[in-house]
Amino acid sequence: MTRATRRSKKRRKVLKRKLNKCRPNKELEGVISPKVKKYWLQRYSLFSRYDEGIKLDEEGWFSVTPEEIAVRHAQRSVAGGVVVDCFAGMAGNSIQFAALGYHVVAIDIDPKKVEMASNNTKIYGVDSYIDFIVGDFLQLAPSLKGNVAFLSPPWGGPSYKMTENFTLNLLKPVDGHTLFQVAQTITPNIIMFLPRNVDVCQVEELSWLSSPPLNVEIEENYVRGFLKGITAYFGKTAYWGVAQEASSAHIREV
């Protein structure tokens, strides 16, 4: 065997070991569906404390906000006080709002999701700052009060990526314009987390269709150089300040 052949075999073994580290354990093959394996590999970017007992259902894997972006959203909630997380899901955003001391009203229509979300908030030690409500946000909104409303409605699953121009009428459970109007019954200070391929012109329209028109700021959200979504800030959450913007290199304004 030549020296070059030995080196080639050694490189193949090293490469194989690296690939094996990236693959789910065989024990998890029957637990993790093929749909979520991609997201499982990114689990620590979703929840840095994943190994401490974080729980997610299948939809939760591809709908939870990456933790780095959720932290950013919380930092922008300068209107403070009470934050209403309108579609709380696995509580990724609720956790980060609570971590900054805000009181969070976290809403989800699925009781099983709320049970998992409650578990996740305890792992981060912020459960005392969060009140969960099982119910339909659209029906509950008129009775809610808050300083900031956070909207991260369902995008329709991973298939949203197949749409070249994601319009607001594709959001669930109702179109984006209706969701925004309902959120305004709570507060004009609204944060919306939307697909990276959303129609930005439609998002901007939400501000001047309001009465009175609202300040709006739109930014692209990146994690490790990959565009993950678009966030729109309305009311007092818009235009956070030059100093803070300069310190957030992973955020790029549209």
Protein backbone atom coordinates (compact mmCIF):
# COMPACT_ATOMS: atom_id res chain seq x y z
CA MET A 1 0.00 0.00 0.00
CA THR A 2 1.44 3.34 -1.01
CA ARG A 3 1.70 6.34 1.32
CA ALA A 4 -0.80 8.26 -0.86
CA THR A 5 -3.34 5.41 -0.56
CA ARG A 6 -2.98 5.33 3.24
CA ARG A 7 -3.53 9.11 3.41
CA SER A 8 -6.61 8.80 1.18
CA LYS A 9 -8.14 6.08 3.40
CA LYS A 10 -7.39 8.13 6.52
CA ARG A 11 -9.16 11.17 5.03
CA ARG A 12 -12.20 9.03 4.18
CA LYS A 13 -12.37 7.73 7.77
CA VAL A 14 -12.15 11.26 9.20
CA LEU A 15 -14.87 12.45 6.83
CA LYS A 16 -17.09 9.50 7.77
CA ARG A 17 -16.71 10.28 11.49
CA LYS A 18 -17.67 13.92 10.88
CA LEU A 19 -20.75 12.91 8.90
CA ASN A 20 -21.85 10.48 11.60
CA LYS A 21 -21.75 13.28 14.17
CA CYS A 22 -24.23 15.24 12.06
CA ARG A 23 -26.70 12.37 11.78
CA PRO A 24 -29.41 11.67 14.35
CA ASN A 25 -28.66 8.77 16.71
CA LYS A 26 -30.09 5.45 15.55
CA GLU A 27 -32.17 5.41 18.73
CA LEU A 28 -34.01 8.48 17.44
CA GLU A 29 -34.73 7.12 13.97
CA GLY A 30 -38.19 5.94 15.00
CA VAL A 31 -38.94 9.09 16.98
CA ILE A 32 -37.95 11.84 14.55
CA SER A 33 -39.94 11.87 11.33
CA PRO A 34 -38.16 12.55 8.02
CA LYS A 35 -39.96 15.92 7.90
CA VAL A 36 -38.18 17.25 10.98
CA LYS A 37 -34.69 15.69 10.74
CA LYS A 38 -33.41 18.86 9.10
CA TYR A 39 -34.69 20.93 12.02
CA TRP A 40 -33.45 18.44 14.61
CA LEU A 41 -29.93 19.03 13.33
CA GLN A 42 -30.49 22.73 14.08
CA ARG A 43 -32.02 22.07 17.51
CA TYR A 44 -29.51 24.16 19.48
CA SER A 45 -30.21 27.20 17.31
CA LEU A 46 -33.90 26.78 18.19
CA PHE A 47 -33.37 26.16 21.91
CA SER A 48 -29.86 26.44 23.34
CA ARG A 49 -31.03 24.37 26.34
CA TYR A 50 -32.60 21.66 24.19
CA ASP A 51 -30.83 18.80 26.00
CA GLU A 52 -32.41 19.78 29.32
CA GLY A 53 -35.81 18.44 28.30
CA ILE A 54 -37.26 20.79 25.68
CA LYS A 55 -40.43 19.40 24.08
CA LEU A 56 -41.69 20.04 20.54
CA ASP A 57 -44.35 18.49 18.36
CA GLU A 58 -43.84 18.03 14.62
CA GLU A 59 -45.24 21.45 13.71
CA GLY A 60 -43.21 23.04 16.48
CA TRP A 61 -39.94 21.95 14.89
CA PHE A 62 -40.44 24.08 11.80
CA SER A 63 -42.51 26.90 13.29
CA VAL A 64 -40.55 27.95 16.40
CA THR A 65 -38.49 31.13 16.04
CA PRO A 66 -34.71 30.52 16.17
CA GLU A 67 -33.50 31.60 19.60
CA GLU A 68 -31.13 34.28 18.31
CA ILE A 69 -33.99 35.98 16.48
CA ALA A 70 -36.37 35.57 19.43
CA VAL A 71 -33.83 37.38 21.61
CA ARG A 72 -33.76 40.19 19.07
CA HIS A 73 -37.56 40.46 19.11
CA ALA A 74 -37.55 40.69 22.90
CA GLN A 75 -34.93 43.43 22.86
CA ARG A 76 -37.10 45.45 20.50
CA SER A 77 -40.17 45.34 22.77
CA VAL A 78 -39.35 48.78 24.13
CA ALA A 79 -43.03 49.52 24.78
CA GLY A 80 -42.50 47.01 27.60
CA GLY A 81 -44.85 45.92 30.34
CA VAL A 82 -47.17 43.24 29.01
CA VAL A 83 -46.45 41.35 25.79
CA VAL A 84 -49.22 39.34 24.14
CA ASP A 85 -47.75 36.40 22.20
CA CYS A 86 -50.69 35.76 19.90
CA PHE A 87 -49.56 32.39 18.48
CA ALA A 88 -47.22 31.12 21.17
CA GLY A 89 -46.57 27.61 19.85
CA MET A 90 -43.57 26.10 21.65
CA ALA A 91 -42.96 29.38 23.55
CA GLY A 92 -39.66 30.22 21.84
CA ASN A 93 -40.53 33.92 21.76
CA SER A 94 -42.44 33.96 25.04
CA ILE A 95 -39.35 32.66 26.83
CA GLN A 96 -37.17 35.48 25.54
CA PHE A 97 -39.75 38.19 26.32
CA ALA A 98 -40.01 36.82 29.85
CA ALA A 99 -36.23 36.60 30.19
CA LEU A 100 -36.12 40.40 29.92
CA GLY A 101 -38.69 40.76 32.67
CA TYR A 102 -41.81 41.36 30.59
CA HIS A 103 -45.06 39.76 31.65
CA VAL A 104 -46.25 37.55 28.79
CA VAL A 105 -49.75 36.44 27.88
CA ALA A 106 -49.10 33.40 25.67
CA ILE A 107 -51.99 32.15 23.56
CA ASP A 108 -52.37 28.95 21.58
CA ILE A 109 -55.45 27.10 20.43
CA ASP A 110 -53.87 23.65 20.93
CA PRO A 111 -53.81 22.46 24.58
CA LYS A 112 -51.05 19.93 23.82
CA LYS A 113 -48.84 22.73 22.48
CA VAL A 114 -49.53 24.79 25.59
CA GLU A 115 -48.50 21.84 27.76
CA MET A 116 -45.19 21.52 25.88
CA ALA A 117 -44.66 25.28 25.92
CA SER A 118 -45.23 25.40 29.67
CA ASN A 119 -42.59 22.70 30.11
CA ASN A 120 -40.12 24.70 28.01
CA THR A 121 -40.61 27.89 30.03
CA LYS A 122 -39.79 26.01 33.23
CA ILE A 123 -36.50 24.81 31.74
CA TYR A 124 -35.53 28.45 31.14
CA GLY A 125 -36.77 29.45 34.59
CA VAL A 126 -39.23 32.08 33.33
CA ASP A 127 -42.56 30.31 33.90
CA SER A 128 -43.57 32.76 36.64
CA TYR A 129 -43.57 35.58 34.07
CA ILE A 130 -45.91 33.83 31.62
CA ASP A 131 -49.66 33.22 31.71
CA PHE A 132 -50.84 30.66 29.16
CA ILE A 133 -54.29 30.78 27.62
CA VAL A 134 -55.73 27.93 25.57
CA GLY A 135 -57.96 29.58 23.01
CA ASP A 136 -58.48 31.27 19.66
CA PHE A 137 -56.55 34.55 19.49
CA LEU A 138 -59.09 36.05 17.09
CA GLN A 139 -61.88 35.55 19.62
CA LEU A 140 -59.82 36.49 22.67
CA ALA A 141 -58.24 39.69 21.30
CA PRO A 142 -61.10 42.11 22.14
CA SER A 143 -60.75 41.21 25.83
CA LEU A 144 -56.95 41.48 25.95
CA LYS A 145 -54.76 44.39 27.03
CA GLY A 146 -51.04 44.72 26.43
CA ASN A 147 -48.18 47.05 25.55
CA VAL A 148 -46.87 44.93 22.66
CA ALA A 149 -48.55 42.32 20.46
CA PHE A 150 -46.27 39.71 18.90
CA LEU A 151 -47.60 38.03 15.76
CA SER A 152 -45.93 34.93 14.37
CA PRO A 153 -48.91 33.24 12.72
CA PRO A 154 -48.63 29.87 10.92
CA TRP A 155 -46.94 30.21 7.54
CA GLY A 156 -48.50 27.05 6.13
CA GLY A 157 -45.61 24.71 6.90
CA PRO A 158 -42.26 24.31 5.08
CA SER A 159 -44.03 24.52 1.71
CA TYR A 160 -44.07 28.33 2.07
CA LYS A 161 -40.56 28.26 0.57
CA MET A 162 -41.99 27.08 -2.75
CA THR A 163 -43.82 30.39 -3.21
CA GLU A 164 -41.77 33.05 -4.99
CA ASN A 165 -43.76 35.94 -3.54
CA PHE A 166 -45.48 35.08 -0.25
CA THR A 167 -48.53 37.34 0.05
CA LEU A 168 -50.25 38.11 3.35
CA ASN A 169 -53.41 36.25 2.35
CA LEU A 170 -51.41 32.99 2.61
CA LEU A 171 -51.01 33.35 6.38
CA LYS A 172 -53.13 31.22 8.70
CA PRO A 173 -55.72 31.05 10.22
CA VAL A 174 -56.82 34.23 8.39
CA ASP A 175 -55.07 36.69 6.10
CA GLY A 176 -52.37 39.02 7.41
CA HIS A 177 -54.44 42.19 7.06
CA THR A 178 -57.16 40.76 9.28
CA LEU A 179 -54.63 39.52 11.84
CA PHE A 180 -53.04 42.96 11.97
CA GLN A 181 -56.38 44.70 12.47
CA VAL A 182 -57.27 42.31 15.29
CA ALA A 183 -53.89 42.90 16.97
CA GLN A 184 -54.52 46.64 16.81
CA THR A 185 -57.48 46.21 19.15
CA ILE A 186 -54.85 45.34 21.77
CA THR A 187 -52.10 47.85 20.97
CA PRO A 188 -50.57 49.75 18.02
CA ASN A 189 -47.14 48.41 19.04
CA ILE A 190 -46.94 45.25 16.97
CA ILE A 191 -44.09 42.95 15.98
CA MET A 192 -44.72 40.55 13.08
CA PHE A 193 -42.36 37.68 12.23
CA LEU A 194 -42.94 36.63 8.63
CA PRO A 195 -41.49 34.36 5.92
CA ARG A 196 -38.28 35.47 4.23
CA ASN A 197 -40.10 35.59 0.87
CA VAL A 198 -43.00 37.73 2.11
CA ASP A 199 -44.26 40.58 -0.08
CA VAL A 200 -42.57 43.50 1.73
CA CYS A 201 -44.74 46.08 -0.05
CA GLN A 202 -47.85 44.49 1.44
CA VAL A 203 -46.26 44.55 4.88
CA GLU A 204 -45.48 48.26 4.54
CA GLU A 205 -49.09 48.89 3.50
CA LEU A 206 -50.24 47.71 6.91
CA SER A 207 -48.71 50.83 8.46
CA TRP A 208 -50.39 53.46 6.29
CA LEU A 209 -53.71 51.63 6.09
CA SER A 210 -53.90 52.12 9.86
CA SER A 211 -55.61 55.16 11.33
CA PRO A 212 -53.57 57.07 12.26
CA PRO A 213 -50.67 55.67 10.16
CA LEU A 214 -48.05 53.81 12.20
CA ASN A 215 -44.28 53.99 12.13
CA VAL A 216 -42.87 50.86 10.53
CA GLU A 217 -39.43 49.30 10.28
CA ILE A 218 -38.69 46.12 8.35
CA GLU A 219 -35.58 43.99 8.76
CA GLU A 220 -34.13 40.74 7.50
CA ASN A 221 -33.19 38.19 10.17
CA TYR A 222 -30.11 36.03 9.66
CA VAL A 223 -28.74 33.10 11.64
CA ARG A 224 -25.20 32.01 10.78
CA GLY A 225 -25.41 33.87 7.49
CA PHE A 226 -28.70 32.28 6.40
CA LEU A 227 -31.83 34.38 5.94
CA LYS A 228 -34.52 32.93 8.22
CA GLY A 229 -37.32 35.47 8.12
CA ILE A 230 -38.52 39.05 7.94
CA THR A 231 -39.58 41.05 10.98
CA ALA A 232 -41.81 44.12 10.79
CA TYR A 233 -41.90 46.51 13.76
CA PHE A 234 -44.84 48.89 14.12
CA GLY A 235 -45.57 51.77 16.46
CA LYS A 236 -43.10 52.31 19.30
CA THR A 237 -41.18 49.13 18.43
CA ALA A 238 -40.01 50.74 15.15
CA TYR A 239 -36.72 52.64 14.81
CA TRP A 240 -34.95 51.26 17.83
CA GLY A 241 -31.95 53.59 17.67
CA VAL A 242 -28.68 53.95 15.78
CA ALA A 243 -26.42 52.63 18.57
CA GLN A 244 -28.35 49.40 19.03
CA GLU A 245 -28.64 48.84 15.27
CA ALA A 246 -24.89 49.19 14.83
CA SER A 247 -24.26 46.51 17.45
CA SER A 248 -26.50 43.94 15.71
CA ALA A 249 -24.40 42.91 12.73
CA HIS A 250 -26.51 39.84 11.95
CA ILE A 251 -29.54 42.04 11.18
CA ARG A 252 -29.84 43.75 7.82
CA GLU A 253 -32.52 46.30 7.06
CA VAL A 254 -34.58 45.85 3.92
